[in-house]
Amino acid sequence: MLQLVITKPYTSPSNPSIFHLDAVGITLLIVSTLIFPPAGLVIGGLALFSDQQDKQYSGKMLMLLGIFLSILEFGLFYIRLFL
């Protein structure tokens, strides 16, 4: 017989209010930043102020990716506008 088990894999068992990201969550944040760079800027800025080292690293990566893509998109827009 198949048994359905409902768990919360992204929360800490000792403190359910602490949210942990796994590789899939980080990947989805990177993809959302590639599509919409301000999302990476906001989420990365919030993650930079975390006490956990891995969240700070992820936040720094999202911030840099968001800034780079914003500059790239604005640059491509103005190049296309003036050519």
Protein backbone atom coordinates (compact mmCIF):
# COMPACT_ATOMS: atom_id res chain seq x y z
CA MET A 1 0.00 0.00 0.00
CA LEU A 2 1.27 3.48 -0.86
CA GLN A 3 1.52 5.83 2.08
CA LEU A 4 1.53 9.60 1.68
CA VAL A 5 3.96 11.40 3.94
CA ILE A 6 3.71 15.18 4.16
CA THR A 7 6.86 16.86 5.39
CA LYS A 8 8.39 20.30 5.21
CA PRO A 9 11.86 19.66 3.75
CA TYR A 10 12.87 23.31 3.68
CA THR A 11 12.44 24.11 7.37
CA SER A 12 14.68 23.30 10.29
CA PRO A 13 13.27 20.60 12.60
CA SER A 14 14.43 22.43 15.72
CA ASN A 15 13.14 25.84 14.63
CA PRO A 16 10.38 25.70 11.98
CA SER A 17 10.57 29.45 11.34
CA ILE A 18 14.10 29.20 9.88
CA PHE A 19 14.01 28.75 6.11
CA HIS A 20 16.78 26.75 4.41
CA LEU A 21 17.41 26.83 0.68
CA ASP A 22 18.66 23.78 -1.16
CA ALA A 23 20.25 23.53 -4.61
CA VAL A 24 16.87 23.57 -6.38
CA GLY A 25 15.82 26.74 -4.57
CA ILE A 26 19.07 28.51 -5.43
CA THR A 27 18.76 27.38 -9.05
CA LEU A 28 15.23 28.75 -9.28
CA LEU A 29 16.39 32.06 -7.79
CA ILE A 30 19.16 32.27 -10.39
CA VAL A 31 16.69 31.53 -13.21
CA SER A 32 14.27 34.15 -11.88
CA THR A 33 17.16 36.65 -11.72
CA LEU A 34 18.05 35.87 -15.34
CA ILE A 35 14.45 36.57 -16.37
CA PHE A 36 13.78 39.53 -14.04
CA PRO A 37 17.00 41.08 -12.57
CA PRO A 38 15.25 43.26 -9.94
CA ALA A 39 14.07 40.05 -8.25
CA GLY A 40 17.69 39.03 -7.74
CA LEU A 41 18.55 42.46 -6.41
CA VAL A 42 15.76 42.38 -3.82
CA ILE A 43 16.20 38.77 -2.71
CA GLY A 44 19.99 39.06 -2.76
CA GLY A 45 19.87 42.24 -0.70
CA LEU A 46 17.73 40.54 1.92
CA ALA A 47 19.97 37.47 1.99
CA LEU A 48 23.11 39.59 2.46
CA PHE A 49 21.93 40.59 5.94
CA SER A 50 21.52 36.98 7.09
CA ASP A 51 23.64 35.55 9.88
CA GLN A 52 24.34 32.36 7.94
CA GLN A 53 27.42 32.29 5.71
CA ASP A 54 25.79 30.29 2.89
CA LYS A 55 22.89 32.73 2.64
CA GLN A 56 25.31 35.66 2.51
CA TYR A 57 27.23 33.96 -0.32
CA SER A 58 23.99 33.28 -2.22
CA GLY A 59 22.84 36.85 -1.65
CA LYS A 60 26.13 38.24 -2.94
CA MET A 61 25.91 36.05 -6.04
CA LEU A 62 22.30 37.13 -6.73
CA MET A 63 23.16 40.80 -6.21
CA LEU A 64 26.13 40.67 -8.58
CA LEU A 65 24.15 38.74 -11.19
CA GLY A 66 21.24 41.18 -10.91
CA ILE A 67 23.50 44.22 -11.25
CA PHE A 68 25.39 42.71 -14.20
CA LEU A 69 22.21 41.74 -16.04
CA SER A 70 20.59 45.13 -15.37
CA ILE A 71 23.59 46.93 -16.85
CA LEU A 72 23.68 44.51 -19.78
CA GLU A 73 19.96 44.90 -20.53
CA PHE A 74 20.07 48.71 -20.30
CA GLY A 75 23.18 48.78 -22.48
CA LEU A 76 21.63 46.56 -25.13
CA PHE A 77 18.46 48.65 -25.05
CA TYR A 78 20.36 51.91 -25.65
CA ILE A 79 22.60 50.37 -28.32
CA ARG A 80 19.52 49.17 -30.20
CA LEU A 81 17.84 52.54 -29.67
CA PHE A 82 20.67 54.57 -31.22
CA LEU A 83 21.61 52.24 -34.08
